[in-house]
């Protein structure tokens, strides 16, 4: 049974930091690229950051470059998103995604709420 379980969301003041974690099980984690998406109320889901299966390459949305860092630990089957200098516009539900494009496979977590507000 495939599971992606996000944690680490919550309420934080502008300028603060949060670290999201996504624990994976039920598939061979090291074969999958991992991504973080987010969806704010009334908006489409957008890609925030991605990391390749081996962790060699990363990519970020322009809106989070220099503030967010994605990383993974293949020994722990976990992907992380370190979020610094948070802004109110970062408020959204953050989703973990596992993708193996060659096999057209996508897995999704249930999401974790991040709220940036004073």
N, C-alpha and C. Protein backbone atom coordinates (compact mmCIF):
# COMPACT_ATOMS: atom_id res chain seq x y z
N UNK A 1 0.84 -1.19 0.00
CA UNK A 1 0.00 0.00 0.00
C UNK A 1 0.88 1.24 0.00
N UNK A 2 0.70 2.06 -1.02
CA UNK A 2 1.49 3.28 -1.14
C UNK A 2 0.97 4.33 -0.16
N UNK A 3 1.91 4.94 0.56
CA UNK A 3 1.56 6.04 1.45
C UNK A 3 2.59 7.14 1.35
N UNK A 4 2.10 8.37 1.33
CA UNK A 4 2.92 9.56 1.45
C UNK A 4 2.29 10.37 2.58
N UNK A 5 3.02 10.52 3.66
CA UNK A 5 2.45 11.18 4.84
C UNK A 5 3.25 12.44 5.13
N UNK A 6 2.60 13.59 4.91
CA UNK A 6 3.24 14.88 5.17
C UNK A 6 3.08 15.27 6.63
N UNK A 7 4.04 16.02 7.11
CA UNK A 7 3.97 16.57 8.46
C UNK A 7 4.79 17.85 8.51
N UNK A 8 4.59 18.61 9.58
CA UNK A 8 5.38 19.82 9.79
C UNK A 8 4.68 21.12 9.47
N UNK A 9 3.47 21.04 8.95
CA UNK A 9 2.73 22.27 8.67
C UNK A 9 2.26 22.94 9.95
N UNK A 10 1.73 24.14 9.79
CA UNK A 10 1.22 24.86 10.95
C UNK A 10 1.09 26.34 10.68
N UNK A 11 0.94 27.09 11.76
CA UNK A 11 0.80 28.54 11.69
C UNK A 11 2.14 29.17 12.05
N UNK A 12 2.59 30.10 11.23
CA UNK A 12 3.87 30.78 11.46
C UNK A 12 3.72 32.24 11.08
N UNK A 13 4.47 33.10 11.75
CA UNK A 13 4.43 34.53 11.44
C UNK A 13 5.25 34.83 10.18
N UNK A 14 4.92 35.89 9.50
CA UNK A 14 5.74 36.30 8.34
C UNK A 14 7.20 36.43 8.74
N UNK A 15 8.07 35.93 7.87
CA UNK A 15 9.50 35.93 8.16
C UNK A 15 9.98 34.68 8.87
N UNK A 16 9.06 33.87 9.32
CA UNK A 16 9.42 32.66 10.05
C UNK A 16 9.77 31.50 9.14
N UNK A 17 10.01 30.35 9.76
CA UNK A 17 10.44 29.15 9.04
C UNK A 17 9.61 27.95 9.46
N UNK A 18 9.49 27.02 8.53
CA UNK A 18 8.90 25.71 8.79
C UNK A 18 9.66 24.69 7.96
N UNK A 19 9.67 23.46 8.46
CA UNK A 19 10.25 22.36 7.69
C UNK A 19 9.20 21.27 7.54
N UNK A 20 8.82 21.01 6.30
CA UNK A 20 7.88 19.95 6.00
C UNK A 20 8.63 18.65 5.75
N UNK A 21 8.02 17.56 6.15
CA UNK A 21 8.55 16.23 5.87
C UNK A 21 7.47 15.40 5.18
N UNK A 22 7.92 14.48 4.36
CA UNK A 22 7.01 13.55 3.70
C UNK A 22 7.63 12.16 3.79
N UNK A 23 7.01 11.29 4.55
CA UNK A 23 7.49 9.93 4.73
C UNK A 23 6.78 9.01 3.74
N UNK A 24 7.56 8.28 2.96
CA UNK A 24 7.01 7.43 1.91
C UNK A 24 7.12 5.96 2.29
N UNK A 25 6.16 5.17 1.83
CA UNK A 25 6.21 3.72 2.01
C UNK A 25 5.38 3.05 0.93
N UNK A 26 5.67 1.78 0.71
CA UNK A 26 4.88 1.01 -0.25
C UNK A 26 5.41 1.03 -1.67
N UNK A 27 6.53 1.71 -1.91
CA UNK A 27 7.14 1.70 -3.23
C UNK A 27 8.63 1.96 -3.06
N UNK A 28 9.38 1.78 -4.13
CA UNK A 28 10.83 1.94 -4.06
C UNK A 28 11.16 3.43 -4.19
N UNK A 29 11.28 4.07 -3.06
CA UNK A 29 11.43 5.53 -2.98
C UNK A 29 12.57 6.05 -3.85
N UNK A 30 13.68 5.36 -3.85
CA UNK A 30 14.87 5.85 -4.56
C UNK A 30 14.72 5.83 -6.08
N UNK A 31 13.64 5.25 -6.59
CA UNK A 31 13.38 5.24 -8.03
C UNK A 31 12.53 6.41 -8.50
N UNK A 32 12.06 7.22 -7.56
CA UNK A 32 11.08 8.25 -7.86
C UNK A 32 11.62 9.65 -7.65
N UNK A 33 11.34 10.52 -8.61
CA UNK A 33 11.50 11.94 -8.35
C UNK A 33 10.43 12.36 -7.35
N UNK A 34 10.78 13.32 -6.52
CA UNK A 34 9.86 13.80 -5.49
C UNK A 34 9.62 15.29 -5.66
N UNK A 35 8.40 15.68 -5.42
CA UNK A 35 8.01 17.08 -5.61
C UNK A 35 7.13 17.56 -4.46
N UNK A 36 7.18 18.84 -4.25
CA UNK A 36 6.23 19.50 -3.35
C UNK A 36 5.37 20.44 -4.21
N UNK A 37 4.08 20.32 -4.06
CA UNK A 37 3.12 21.21 -4.69
C UNK A 37 2.38 21.95 -3.58
N UNK A 38 1.71 23.01 -3.97
CA UNK A 38 0.83 23.70 -3.02
C UNK A 38 -0.41 24.20 -3.74
N UNK A 39 -1.46 24.35 -2.95
CA UNK A 39 -2.71 24.87 -3.50
C UNK A 39 -3.33 25.82 -2.48
N UNK A 40 -3.46 27.07 -2.90
CA UNK A 40 -4.11 28.08 -2.07
C UNK A 40 -5.60 28.13 -2.41
N UNK A 41 -6.42 28.62 -1.51
CA UNK A 41 -7.86 28.69 -1.77
C UNK A 41 -8.17 29.45 -3.05
N UNK A 42 -8.96 28.86 -3.92
CA UNK A 42 -9.36 29.50 -5.16
C UNK A 42 -8.31 29.50 -6.25
N UNK A 43 -7.20 28.83 -6.01
CA UNK A 43 -6.12 28.80 -7.00
C UNK A 43 -5.82 27.36 -7.41
N UNK A 44 -5.14 27.23 -8.55
CA UNK A 44 -4.75 25.92 -9.01
C UNK A 44 -3.54 25.41 -8.22
N UNK A 45 -3.41 24.10 -8.19
CA UNK A 45 -2.24 23.51 -7.56
C UNK A 45 -1.01 23.86 -8.39
N UNK A 46 0.07 24.26 -7.71
CA UNK A 46 1.29 24.64 -8.42
C UNK A 46 2.50 23.90 -7.86
N UNK A 47 3.46 23.66 -8.74
CA UNK A 47 4.70 23.02 -8.34
C UNK A 47 5.57 24.02 -7.58
N UNK A 48 6.02 23.64 -6.42
CA UNK A 48 6.87 24.48 -5.60
C UNK A 48 8.34 24.11 -5.76
N UNK A 49 8.63 22.81 -5.66
CA UNK A 49 10.01 22.36 -5.74
C UNK A 49 10.03 20.89 -6.12
N UNK A 50 11.13 20.48 -6.77
CA UNK A 50 11.29 19.09 -7.15
C UNK A 50 12.72 18.65 -6.99
N UNK A 51 12.91 17.34 -6.82
CA UNK A 51 14.24 16.78 -6.67
C UNK A 51 14.26 15.44 -7.39
N UNK A 52 15.35 15.17 -8.09
CA UNK A 52 15.45 13.93 -8.84
C UNK A 52 15.62 12.72 -7.91
N UNK A 53 15.49 11.53 -8.49
CA UNK A 53 15.48 10.30 -7.68
C UNK A 53 16.74 10.16 -6.83
N UNK A 54 17.89 10.47 -7.41
CA UNK A 54 19.15 10.34 -6.69
C UNK A 54 19.49 11.58 -5.88
N UNK A 55 18.67 12.61 -6.02
CA UNK A 55 18.92 13.84 -5.27
C UNK A 55 19.97 14.74 -5.89
N UNK A 56 20.30 14.50 -7.16
CA UNK A 56 21.38 15.25 -7.80
C UNK A 56 20.91 16.65 -8.22
N UNK A 57 19.68 16.72 -8.74
CA UNK A 57 19.19 17.98 -9.27
C UNK A 57 17.91 18.41 -8.56
N UNK A 58 17.76 19.72 -8.44
CA UNK A 58 16.56 20.29 -7.86
C UNK A 58 16.03 21.40 -8.77
N UNK A 59 14.77 21.73 -8.60
CA UNK A 59 14.19 22.86 -9.31
C UNK A 59 13.16 23.51 -8.41
N UNK A 60 12.96 24.82 -8.62
CA UNK A 60 12.07 25.60 -7.76
C UNK A 60 11.21 26.55 -8.58
N UNK A 61 10.03 26.82 -8.05
CA UNK A 61 9.22 27.89 -8.61
C UNK A 61 9.94 29.21 -8.35
N UNK A 62 9.80 30.15 -9.27
CA UNK A 62 10.47 31.44 -9.11
C UNK A 62 10.07 32.11 -7.80
N UNK A 63 8.85 31.91 -7.38
CA UNK A 63 8.34 32.59 -6.19
C UNK A 63 8.99 32.12 -4.88
N UNK A 64 9.68 30.97 -4.92
CA UNK A 64 10.27 30.45 -3.68
C UNK A 64 11.79 30.32 -3.77
N UNK A 65 12.37 30.60 -4.92
CA UNK A 65 13.83 30.49 -5.07
C UNK A 65 14.55 31.35 -4.05
N UNK A 66 15.55 30.75 -3.43
CA UNK A 66 16.33 31.47 -2.43
C UNK A 66 15.73 31.42 -1.04
N UNK A 67 14.50 30.94 -0.93
CA UNK A 67 13.83 30.85 0.39
C UNK A 67 13.54 29.41 0.79
N UNK A 68 13.22 28.57 -0.17
CA UNK A 68 12.87 27.17 0.10
C UNK A 68 13.99 26.25 -0.39
N UNK A 69 14.17 25.14 0.32
CA UNK A 69 15.14 24.13 -0.08
C UNK A 69 14.51 22.74 0.03
N UNK A 70 14.56 22.01 -1.06
CA UNK A 70 14.08 20.63 -1.06
C UNK A 70 15.28 19.70 -0.89
N UNK A 71 15.09 18.63 -0.13
CA UNK A 71 16.13 17.63 0.05
C UNK A 71 15.46 16.28 0.29
N UNK A 72 16.26 15.23 0.21
CA UNK A 72 15.72 13.90 0.43
C UNK A 72 16.75 13.03 1.12
N UNK A 73 16.25 12.03 1.83
CA UNK A 73 17.09 11.03 2.48
C UNK A 73 16.57 9.68 2.02
N UNK A 74 17.23 9.08 1.05
CA UNK A 74 16.73 7.82 0.49
C UNK A 74 16.84 6.67 1.48
N UNK A 75 17.71 6.79 2.46
CA UNK A 75 17.81 5.75 3.49
C UNK A 75 16.60 5.78 4.43
N UNK A 76 15.99 6.96 4.55
CA UNK A 76 14.83 7.11 5.43
C UNK A 76 13.52 7.22 4.65
N UNK A 77 13.61 7.13 3.32
CA UNK A 77 12.41 7.25 2.48
C UNK A 77 11.62 8.52 2.78
N UNK A 78 12.34 9.61 2.89
CA UNK A 78 11.72 10.87 3.29
C UNK A 78 12.24 12.02 2.43
N UNK A 79 11.32 12.91 2.10
CA UNK A 79 11.68 14.14 1.40
C UNK A 79 11.28 15.31 2.30
N UNK A 80 12.05 16.37 2.21
CA UNK A 80 11.86 17.53 3.09
C UNK A 80 11.68 18.80 2.26
N UNK A 81 11.06 19.77 2.88
CA UNK A 81 10.99 21.11 2.30
C UNK A 81 11.25 22.11 3.42
N UNK A 82 12.43 22.70 3.40
CA UNK A 82 12.77 23.74 4.36
C UNK A 82 12.28 25.07 3.80
N UNK A 83 11.44 25.75 4.55
CA UNK A 83 10.84 26.99 4.09
C UNK A 83 11.26 28.12 5.04
N UNK A 84 12.00 29.07 4.50
CA UNK A 84 12.47 30.22 5.28
C UNK A 84 11.85 31.50 4.73
N UNK A 85 11.94 32.54 5.51
CA UNK A 85 11.43 33.87 5.11
C UNK A 85 10.02 33.76 4.55
N UNK A 86 9.18 33.08 5.29
CA UNK A 86 7.81 32.83 4.81
C UNK A 86 7.02 34.11 4.69
N UNK A 87 6.15 34.12 3.67
CA UNK A 87 5.29 35.27 3.37
C UNK A 87 3.83 34.84 3.45
N UNK A 88 2.95 35.79 3.66
CA UNK A 88 1.51 35.42 3.67
C UNK A 88 1.07 34.70 2.39
N UNK A 89 1.67 35.05 1.28
CA UNK A 89 1.29 34.41 0.02
C UNK A 89 1.78 32.96 -0.10
N UNK A 90 2.56 32.50 0.87
CA UNK A 90 2.94 31.08 0.92
C UNK A 90 1.85 30.24 1.58
N UNK A 91 0.84 30.87 2.11
CA UNK A 91 -0.24 30.14 2.75
C UNK A 91 -0.94 29.24 1.74
N UNK A 92 -1.01 27.95 2.07
CA UNK A 92 -1.60 26.97 1.16
C UNK A 92 -1.58 25.60 1.83
N UNK A 93 -2.24 24.65 1.18
CA UNK A 93 -2.06 23.25 1.54
C UNK A 93 -0.90 22.73 0.69
N UNK A 94 0.08 22.14 1.34
CA UNK A 94 1.27 21.63 0.67
C UNK A 94 1.15 20.11 0.51
N UNK A 95 1.39 19.65 -0.72
CA UNK A 95 1.24 18.24 -1.05
C UNK A 95 2.58 17.64 -1.49
N UNK A 96 2.82 16.46 -1.03
CA UNK A 96 3.97 15.68 -1.45
C UNK A 96 3.57 14.82 -2.65
N UNK A 97 4.45 14.74 -3.63
CA UNK A 97 4.18 13.97 -4.86
C UNK A 97 5.39 13.10 -5.20
N UNK A 98 5.13 11.87 -5.55
CA UNK A 98 6.16 10.95 -6.04
C UNK A 98 5.85 10.66 -7.50
N UNK A 99 6.84 10.79 -8.35
CA UNK A 99 6.61 10.64 -9.78
C UNK A 99 7.66 9.76 -10.43
N UNK A 100 7.19 8.84 -11.25
CA UNK A 100 8.09 8.06 -12.10
C UNK A 100 7.56 8.22 -13.52
N UNK A 101 8.04 9.22 -14.19
CA UNK A 101 7.47 9.65 -15.47
C UNK A 101 7.50 8.55 -16.53
N UNK A 102 8.57 7.75 -16.55
CA UNK A 102 8.71 6.73 -17.59
C UNK A 102 7.57 5.71 -17.52
N UNK A 103 6.99 5.56 -16.35
CA UNK A 103 5.91 4.59 -16.17
C UNK A 103 4.57 5.29 -15.91
N UNK A 104 4.55 6.59 -16.09
CA UNK A 104 3.31 7.38 -15.91
C UNK A 104 2.70 7.14 -14.54
N UNK A 105 3.54 7.15 -13.51
CA UNK A 105 3.06 6.90 -12.16
C UNK A 105 3.18 8.17 -11.34
N UNK A 106 2.11 8.50 -10.65
CA UNK A 106 2.07 9.63 -9.73
C UNK A 106 1.39 9.20 -8.45
N UNK A 107 2.04 9.47 -7.32
CA UNK A 107 1.42 9.25 -6.02
C UNK A 107 1.34 10.59 -5.29
N UNK A 108 0.27 10.75 -4.50
CA UNK A 108 0.05 12.00 -3.78
C UNK A 108 -0.19 11.75 -2.30
N UNK A 109 0.29 12.67 -1.49
CA UNK A 109 -0.04 12.67 -0.08
C UNK A 109 -1.36 13.40 0.15
N UNK A 110 -1.75 13.45 1.42
CA UNK A 110 -3.05 14.04 1.76
C UNK A 110 -2.97 15.55 1.98
N UNK A 111 -1.76 16.07 2.10
CA UNK A 111 -1.56 17.50 2.25
C UNK A 111 -1.41 17.93 3.69
N UNK A 112 -0.68 19.02 3.87
CA UNK A 112 -0.53 19.63 5.19
C UNK A 112 -0.69 21.14 5.05
N UNK A 113 -1.43 21.73 5.97
CA UNK A 113 -1.75 23.16 5.88
C UNK A 113 -0.59 24.00 6.41
N UNK A 114 -0.22 25.00 5.63
CA UNK A 114 0.75 26.01 6.07
C UNK A 114 0.05 27.35 6.02
N UNK A 115 0.03 28.04 7.15
CA UNK A 115 -0.60 29.35 7.24
C UNK A 115 0.43 30.35 7.74
N UNK A 116 0.64 31.40 6.96
CA UNK A 116 1.59 32.44 7.32
C UNK A 116 0.78 33.71 7.63
N UNK A 117 0.76 34.07 8.88
CA UNK A 117 -0.08 35.19 9.30
C UNK A 117 0.43 35.74 10.62
N UNK A 118 0.26 37.04 10.79
CA UNK A 118 0.61 37.67 12.06
C UNK A 118 -0.62 37.73 12.97
